[in-house]
C-alpha atoms as a PDB file:
ATOM      1  CA  MET A   1     180.248 138.665   8.035  1.00  0.00           C
ATOM      2  CA  LYS A   2     176.753 137.898   9.328  1.00  0.00           C
ATOM      3  CA  THR A   3     174.754 140.534  10.997  1.00  0.00           C
ATOM      4  CA  MET A   4     172.478 140.170  13.998  1.00  0.00           C
ATOM      5  CA  ALA A   5     169.456 140.488  11.734  1.00  0.00           C
ATOM      6  CA  ASP A   6     170.543 137.514   9.722  1.00  0.00           C
ATOM      7  CA  GLY A   7     171.043 135.440  12.882  1.00  0.00           C
ATOM      8  CA  GLY A   8     167.553 136.261  14.137  1.00  0.00           C
ATOM      9  CA  SER A   9     165.970 135.190  10.886  1.00  0.00           C
ATOM     10  CA  ALA A  10     167.755 131.873  10.984  1.00  0.00           C
ATOM     11  CA  ASP A  11     166.601 131.193  14.543  1.00  0.00           C
ATOM     12  CA  ALA A  12     163.019 131.993  13.621  1.00  0.00           C
ATOM     13  CA  ARG A  13     163.105 129.539  10.718  1.00  0.00           C
ATOM     14  CA  ARG A  14     164.496 126.790  12.966  1.00  0.00           C
ATOM     15  CA  ASP A  15     161.743 127.343  15.555  1.00  0.00           C
ATOM     16  CA  LEU A  16     159.052 127.191  12.860  1.00  0.00           C
ATOM     17  CA  GLN A  17     160.458 123.950  11.463  1.00  0.00           C
ATOM     18  CA  ALA A  18     160.620 122.445  14.949  1.00  0.00           C
ATOM     19  CA  GLU A  19     156.944 123.291  15.621  1.00  0.00           C
ATOM     20  CA  GLU A  20     155.872 121.783  12.265  1.00  0.00           C
ATOM     21  CA  ALA A  21     157.805 118.614  13.053  1.00  0.00           C
ATOM     22  CA  ALA A  22     156.188 118.375  16.499  1.00  0.00           C
ATOM     23  CA  GLY A  23     152.706 118.808  14.975  1.00  0.00           C
ATOM     24  CA  LYS A  24     153.270 115.998  12.503  1.00  0.00           C
ATOM     25  CA  SER A  25     154.477 113.796  15.313  1.00  0.00           C
ATOM     26  CA  ARG A  26     151.298 114.407  17.357  1.00  0.00           C
ATOM     27  CA  ASN A  27     149.036 113.675  14.363  1.00  0.00           C
ATOM     28  CA  SER A  28     150.862 110.504  13.374  1.00  0.00           C
ATOM     29  CA  GLY A  29     149.021 108.067  15.812  1.00  0.00           C
ATOM     30  CA  LYS A  30     148.183 104.461  14.763  1.00  0.00           C
ATOM     31  CA  PRO A  31     144.955 104.358  12.756  1.00  0.00           C
ATOM     32  CA  GLY A  32     143.997 101.063  14.240  1.00  0.00           C
ATOM     33  CA  GLU A  33     144.117 102.375  17.764  1.00  0.00           C
ATOM     34  CA  ILE A  34     142.025 105.430  16.941  1.00  0.00           C
ATOM     35  CA  GLY A  35     139.428 103.293  15.114  1.00  0.00           C
ATOM     36  CA  GLU A  36     139.140 100.881  17.983  1.00  0.00           C
ATOM     37  CA  GLY A  37     138.551 103.716  20.427  1.00  0.00           C
ATOM     38  CA  VAL A  38     135.790 105.200  18.316  1.00  0.00           C
ATOM     39  CA  LYS A  39     134.123 101.906  17.741  1.00  0.00           C
ATOM     40  CA  GLY A  40     134.225 100.896  21.363  1.00  0.00           C
ATOM     41  CA  GLY A  41     137.060  98.376  21.156  1.00  0.00           C
ATOM     42  CA  PRO A  42     137.101  94.684  20.282  1.00  0.00           C
ATOM     43  CA  ALA A  43     134.334  93.847  22.834  1.00  0.00           C
ATOM     44  CA  GLY A  44     131.837  96.075  21.070  1.00  0.00           C
ATOM     45  CA  ALA A  45     132.600  94.517  17.721  1.00  0.00           C
ATOM     46  CA  GLY A  46     132.079  90.993  19.146  1.00  0.00           C
ATOM     47  CA  GLY A  47     128.645  91.914  20.606  1.00  0.00           C
ATOM     48  CA  GLN A  48     127.513  93.244  17.242  1.00  0.00           C
ATOM     49  CA  ASP A  49     128.666  90.056  15.515  1.00  0.00           C
ATOM     50  CA  THR A  50     126.707  87.853  18.030  1.00  0.00           C
ATOM     51  CA  ALA A  51     123.481  89.840  17.575  1.00  0.00           C
ATOM     52  CA  GLY A  52     123.855  89.626  13.821  1.00  0.00           C
ATOM     53  CA  GLU A  53     124.349  85.872  13.941  1.00  0.00           C
ATOM     54  CA  LYS A  54     121.205  85.494  16.114  1.00  0.00           C
ATOM     55  CA  ARG A  55     119.137  87.473  13.631  1.00  0.00           C
ATOM     56  CA  GLU A  56     120.454  85.372  10.788  1.00  0.00           C
ATOM     57  CA  GLU A  57     119.603  82.175  12.707  1.00  0.00           C
ATOM     58  CA  ASP A  58     116.039  83.340  13.463  1.00  0.00           C
ATOM     59  CA  LYS A  59     115.606  84.344   9.866  1.00  0.00           C
ATOM     60  CA  GLY A  60     116.755  80.907   8.777  1.00  0.00           C
ATOM     61  CA  LEU A  61     114.260  79.194  11.103  1.00  0.00           C
ATOM     62  CA  GLU A  62     111.408  81.349   9.821  1.00  0.00           C
ATOM     63  CA  GLU A  63     112.357  80.589   6.242  1.00  0.00           C
ATOM     64  CA  GLY A  64     112.435  76.872   7.090  1.00  0.00           C
ATOM     65  CA  GLN A  65     108.988  77.046   8.664  1.00  0.00           C
ATOM     66  CA  ASP A  66     107.641  78.929   5.663  1.00  0.00           C
ATOM     67  CA  GLU A  67     109.053  76.252   3.386  1.00  0.00           C
ATOM     68  CA  ARG A  68     107.390  73.503   5.461  1.00  0.00           C
ATOM     69  CA  ARG A  69     104.060  75.363   5.376  1.00  0.00           C
ATOM     70  CA  GLU A  70     104.308  75.725   1.642  1.00  0.00           C
ATOM     71  CA  ASP A  71     105.034  71.996   1.294  1.00  0.00           C
ATOM     72  CA  PRO A  72     101.711  70.379   0.178  1.00  0.00           C
ATOM     73  CA  ALA A  73     102.446  67.127   2.020  1.00  0.00           C
ATOM     74  CA  VAL A  74     103.085  68.947   5.296  1.00  0.00           C
ATOM     75  CA  ARG A  75     100.001  71.115   4.873  1.00  0.00           C
ATOM     76  CA  LEU A  76      97.882  68.059   4.067  1.00  0.00           C
ATOM     77  CA  ALA A  77      99.121  66.293   7.217  1.00  0.00           C
ATOM     78  CA  GLU A  78      98.256  69.348   9.312  1.00  0.00           C
ATOM     79  CA  LEU A  79      94.749  69.488   7.833  1.00  0.00           C
ATOM     80  CA  GLU A  80      94.236  65.771   8.451  1.00  0.00           C
ATOM     81  CA  LYS A  81      95.244  66.231  12.085  1.00  0.00           C
ATOM     82  CA  GLU A  82      92.854  69.171  12.504  1.00  0.00           C
ATOM     83  CA  LYS A  83      90.065  67.157  10.888  1.00  0.00           C
ATOM     84  CA  GLU A  84      90.638  64.213  13.242  1.00  0.00           C
ATOM     85  CA  GLU A  85      90.595  66.522  16.273  1.00  0.00           C
ATOM     86  CA  LEU A  86      87.300  68.069  15.132  1.00  0.00           C
ATOM     87  CA  ILE A  87      85.777  64.633  14.551  1.00  0.00           C
ATOM     88  CA  GLN A  88      86.792  63.454  18.023  1.00  0.00           C
ATOM     89  CA  ARG A  89      85.382  66.621  19.578  1.00  0.00           C
ATOM     90  CA  TRP A  90      82.108  66.153  17.700  1.00  0.00           C
ATOM     91  CA  LEU A  91      81.871  62.513  18.825  1.00  0.00           C
ATOM     92  CA  ARG A  92      82.376  63.520  22.455  1.00  0.00           C
ATOM     93  CA  LEU A  93      79.729  66.220  22.205  1.00  0.00           C
ATOM     94  CA  ARG A  94      77.278  63.797  20.597  1.00  0.00           C
ATOM     95  CA  ALA A  95      77.918  61.188  23.307  1.00  0.00           C
ATOM     96  CA  ASP A  96      77.392  63.799  26.026  1.00  0.00           C
ATOM     97  CA  PHE A  97      74.128  64.890  24.410  1.00  0.00           C
ATOM     98  CA  GLU A  98      72.874  61.300  24.110  1.00  0.00           C
ATOM     99  CA  ASN A  99      73.694  60.681  27.777  1.00  0.00           C
ATOM    100  CA  TYR A 100      71.823  63.849  28.703  1.00  0.00           C
ATOM    101  CA  ARG A 101      68.757  62.763  26.710  1.00  0.00           C
ATOM    102  CA  ARG A 102      68.833  59.289  28.278  1.00  0.00           C
ATOM    103  CA  ARG A 103      69.113  60.690  31.804  1.00  0.00           C
ATOM    104  CA  SER A 104      66.292  63.138  31.097  1.00  0.00           C
ATOM    105  CA  ARG A 105      64.016  60.344  29.865  1.00  0.00           C
ATOM    106  CA  GLU A 106      64.844  58.176  32.873  1.00  0.00           C
ATOM    107  CA  GLU A 107      64.237  61.017  35.325  1.00  0.00           C
ATOM    108  CA  LEU A 108      60.936  61.867  33.619  1.00  0.00           C
ATOM    109  CA  GLN A 109      59.843  58.225  33.732  1.00  0.00           C
ATOM    110  CA  ARG A 110      60.761  57.922  37.417  1.00  0.00           C
ATOM    111  CA  ALA A 111      58.862  61.114  38.223  1.00  0.00           C
ATOM    112  CA  ARG A 112      55.796  59.842  36.364  1.00  0.00           C
ATOM    113  CA  GLU A 113      55.914  56.449  38.083  1.00  0.00           C
ATOM    114  CA  GLN A 114      56.347  58.033  41.495  1.00  0.00           C
ATOM    115  CA  ALA A 115      53.412  60.391  40.971  1.00  0.00           C
ATOM    116  CA  LEU A 116      51.241  57.523  39.705  1.00  0.00           C
ATOM    117  CA  GLU A 117      52.276  55.300  42.606  1.00  0.00           C
ATOM    118  CA  GLU A 118      51.329  57.964  45.146  1.00  0.00           C
ATOM    119  CA  PHE A 119      47.953  58.441  43.447  1.00  0.00           C
ATOM    120  CA  ILE A 120      47.240  54.687  43.378  1.00  0.00           C
ATOM    121  CA  ILE A 121      48.107  54.331  47.066  1.00  0.00           C
ATOM    122  CA  LYS A 122      45.507  57.003  47.825  1.00  0.00           C
ATOM    123  CA  LEU A 123      42.902  55.031  45.822  1.00  0.00           C
ATOM    124  CA  LEU A 124      43.489  51.699  47.578  1.00  0.00           C
ATOM    125  CA  PRO A 125      41.318  52.544  50.630  1.00  0.00           C
ATOM    126  CA  VAL A 126      38.439  53.222  48.224  1.00  0.00           C
ATOM    127  CA  VAL A 127      38.950  49.775  46.683  1.00  0.00           C
ATOM    128  CA  ASP A 128      38.992  48.267  50.203  1.00  0.00           C
ATOM    129  CA  ASN A 129      35.666  49.901  51.040  1.00  0.00           C
ATOM    130  CA  LEU A 130      34.092  48.616  47.839  1.00  0.00           C
ATOM    131  CA  GLU A 131      35.236  45.090  48.712  1.00  0.00           C
ATOM    132  CA  ARG A 132      33.797  45.431  52.219  1.00  0.00           C
ATOM    133  CA  ALA A 133      30.504  46.668  50.808  1.00  0.00           C
ATOM    134  CA  LEU A 134      30.323  43.637  48.529  1.00  0.00           C
ATOM    135  CA  ALA A 135      31.144  41.294  51.406  1.00  0.00           C
ATOM    136  CA  ALA A 136      28.439  42.852  53.615  1.00  0.00           C
ATOM    137  CA  SER A 137      25.748  42.818  50.935  1.00  0.00           C
ATOM    138  CA  THR A 138      23.493  39.737  50.987  1.00  0.00           C
ATOM    139  CA  GLY A 139      21.447  40.708  47.958  1.00  0.00           C
ATOM    140  CA  SER A 140      18.259  39.090  49.249  1.00  0.00           C
ATOM    141  CA  SER A 141      15.870  41.896  48.305  1.00  0.00           C
ATOM    142  CA  GLY A 142      15.516  43.724  45.019  1.00  0.00           C
ATOM    143  CA  ASP A 143      17.005  47.010  46.242  1.00  0.00           C
ATOM    144  CA  GLU A 144      19.975  45.299  47.855  1.00  0.00           C
ATOM    145  CA  ALA A 145      20.543  43.235  44.749  1.00  0.00           C
ATOM    146  CA  ASN A 146      20.538  46.367  42.606  1.00  0.00           C
ATOM    147  CA  LEU A 147      22.939  48.070  45.031  1.00  0.00           C
ATOM    148  CA  ARG A 148      25.257  45.102  44.973  1.00  0.00           C
ATOM    149  CA  THR A 149      25.218  45.064  41.197  1.00  0.00           C
ATOM    150  CA  GLY A 150      26.150  48.756  41.126  1.00  0.00           C
ATOM    151  CA  VAL A 151      28.976  48.277  43.617  1.00  0.00           C
ATOM    152  CA  GLU A 152      30.296  45.309  41.641  1.00  0.00           C
ATOM    153  CA  MET A 153      30.362  47.413  38.478  1.00  0.00           C
ATOM    154  CA  VAL A 154      32.248  50.235  40.185  1.00  0.00           C
ATOM    155  CA  PHE A 155      34.683  47.794  41.771  1.00  0.00           C
ATOM    156  CA  ARG A 156      35.308  46.032  38.455  1.00  0.00           C
ATOM    157  CA  GLN A 157      35.953  49.340  36.701  1.00  0.00           C
ATOM    158  CA  PHE A 158      38.384  50.370  39.426  1.00  0.00           C
ATOM    159  CA  MET A 159      40.312  47.131  39.071  1.00  0.00           C
ATOM    160  CA  GLU A 160      40.433  47.414  35.271  1.00  0.00           C
ATOM    161  CA  VAL A 161      41.897  50.910  35.494  1.00  0.00           C
ATOM    162  CA  LEU A 162      44.455  49.812  38.068  1.00  0.00           C
ATOM    163  CA  GLU A 163      45.422  46.809  35.982  1.00  0.00           C
ATOM    164  CA  LYS A 164      46.020  49.020  32.930  1.00  0.00           C
ATOM    165  CA  GLU A 165      48.415  51.077  35.024  1.00  0.00           C
ATOM    166  CA  GLY A 166      50.326  47.964  36.066  1.00  0.00           C
ATOM    167  CA  VAL A 167      48.676  47.388  39.467  1.00  0.00           C
ATOM    168  CA  THR A 168      47.883  43.782  40.417  1.00  0.00           C
ATOM    169  CA  PRO A 169      46.716  42.146  43.681  1.00  0.00           C
ATOM    170  CA  ILE A 170      49.192  40.038  45.654  1.00  0.00           C
ATOM    171  CA  ALA A 171      48.312  36.357  46.033  1.00  0.00           C
ATOM    172  CA  ALA A 172      47.996  35.481  49.709  1.00  0.00           C
ATOM    173  CA  VAL A 173      45.836  32.629  51.106  1.00  0.00           C
ATOM    174  CA  GLY A 174      47.526  29.265  50.567  1.00  0.00           C
ATOM    175  CA  GLU A 175      50.838  30.862  49.595  1.00  0.00           C
ATOM    176  CA  ILE A 176      54.071  30.658  51.579  1.00  0.00           C
ATOM    177  CA  PHE A 177      54.741  33.826  53.540  1.00  0.00           C
ATOM    178  CA  ASP A 178      57.036  36.222  51.667  1.00  0.00           C
ATOM    179  CA  PRO A 179      58.313  39.141  53.763  1.00  0.00           C
ATOM    180  CA  GLU A 180      58.729  41.181  50.577  1.00  0.00           C
ATOM    181  CA  LYS A 181      55.000  40.918  49.815  1.00  0.00           C
ATOM    182  CA  HIS A 182      53.261  39.962  53.040  1.00  0.00           C
ATOM    183  CA  GLU A 183      52.977  41.412  56.519  1.00  0.00           C
ATOM    184  CA  ALA A 184      52.199  38.953  59.332  1.00  0.00           C
ATOM    185  CA  PHE A 185      49.399  40.239  61.529  1.00  0.00           C
ATOM    186  CA  CYS A 186      49.356  37.093  63.686  1.00  0.00           C
ATOM    187  CA  ARG A 187      50.413  33.441  63.773  1.00  0.00           C
ATOM    188  CA  GLU A 188      48.264  30.413  64.522  1.00  0.00           C
ATOM    189  CA  GLU A 189      49.071  26.744  65.033  1.00  0.00           C
ATOM    190  CA  SER A 190      47.845  24.734  62.098  1.00  0.00           C
ATOM    191  CA  GLU A 191      48.049  21.373  60.379  1.00  0.00           C
ATOM    192  CA  LYS A 192      49.303  23.199  57.300  1.00  0.00           C
ATOM    193  CA  PRO A 193      53.013  23.671  56.654  1.00  0.00           C
ATOM    194  CA  GLU A 194      54.662  26.343  58.724  1.00  0.00           C
ATOM    195  CA  ASN A 195      54.535  29.870  57.239  1.00  0.00           C
ATOM    196  CA  THR A 196      51.552  29.038  55.054  1.00  0.00           C
ATOM    197  CA  ILE A 197      49.161  32.000  54.833  1.00  0.00           C
ATOM    198  CA  LEU A 198      45.854  31.012  56.436  1.00  0.00           C
ATOM    199  CA  GLU A 199      43.855  34.217  56.103  1.00  0.00           C
ATOM    200  CA  GLU A 200      44.089  37.653  54.499  1.00  0.00           C
ATOM    201  CA  TYR A 201      42.865  40.699  56.419  1.00  0.00           C
ATOM    202  CA  GLN A 202      43.808  43.344  53.868  1.00  0.00           C
ATOM    203  CA  LYS A 203      44.682  42.807  50.225  1.00  0.00           C
ATOM    204  CA  GLY A 204      48.143  43.808  49.073  1.00  0.00           C
ATOM    205  CA  TYR A 205      49.078  45.224  45.668  1.00  0.00           C
ATOM    206  CA  LEU A 206      52.038  45.313  43.303  1.00  0.00           C
ATOM    207  CA  PHE A 207      52.873  48.240  41.024  1.00  0.00           C
ATOM    208  CA  GLY A 208      54.809  46.491  38.306  1.00  0.00           C
ATOM    209  CA  GLU A 209      57.174  44.356  40.381  1.00  0.00           C
ATOM    210  CA  LYS A 210      57.256  46.760  43.318  1.00  0.00           C
ATOM    211  CA  THR A 211      55.170  46.125  46.424  1.00  0.00           C
ATOM    212  CA  ILE A 212      53.237  49.320  47.100  1.00  0.00           C
ATOM    213  CA  ARG A 213      51.226  47.727  49.904  1.00  0.00           C
ATOM    214  CA  PRO A 214      51.908  44.318  51.495  1.00  0.00           C
ATOM    215  CA  SER A 215      49.085  41.905  52.277  1.00  0.00           C
ATOM    216  CA  LEU A 216      48.091  41.805  55.949  1.00  0.00           C
ATOM    217  CA  VAL A 217      47.822  38.091  56.762  1.00  0.00           C
ATOM    218  CA  LYS A 218      47.594  35.303  59.345  1.00  0.00           C
ATOM    219  CA  VAL A 219      50.433  32.781  59.125  1.00  0.00           C
ATOM    220  CA  ALA A 220      50.483  29.106  60.123  1.00  0.00           C
ATOM    221  CA  ALA A 221      52.786  28.120  62.971  1.00  0.00           C
ATOM    222  CA  ALA A 222      54.051  24.629  63.766  1.00  0.00           C
ATOM    223  CA  LYS A 223      52.265  22.797  66.558  1.00  0.00           C
ATOM    224  CA  GLU A 224      54.203  22.313  69.757  1.00  0.00           C
END
């Protein structure tokens, strides 16, 4: 016959077994579910796979570029292209420099010609006065003859210097009036063809082919 002590011991053992069974049940979750929770689920795993694939792709591109650089034919083509670019750049720079030198020479020449032209124009009144002195000198006496000779020498030297610099007198009397070279002071009826120059009042001069002073002339007009 069982005693109360024996019944209490049996109840205690049953309670202990029940607690152990409940603990095992709580700790028996699915491993897959726990792993997915720790790792952040399927979405997290997919993001890591995409990033890894991108790194692998970039690495592959870099390796491909390195292989192309190491290829002698590719490297030679790159060097040839660089050489051609440098040659073209050098040719452009040389052309620009030649154009600069040409413009500088032209500007210097124009400045010289302009300065010389201005100086010659200032000398022309002196030449006019020498011509007038020669025209007024009769040379009848010894002193006047000597003076005329001196004036002629000075005038001749002036004209030689001007000629060396490209200055020449403009033909006038007997020529047909040219508005580029002549300036009509007056017109007079004449038997000569119309616009023929009858008389020159002031000599004109050319500097090269440029008129620096037109001749002041009388021009023939047709009779009425």
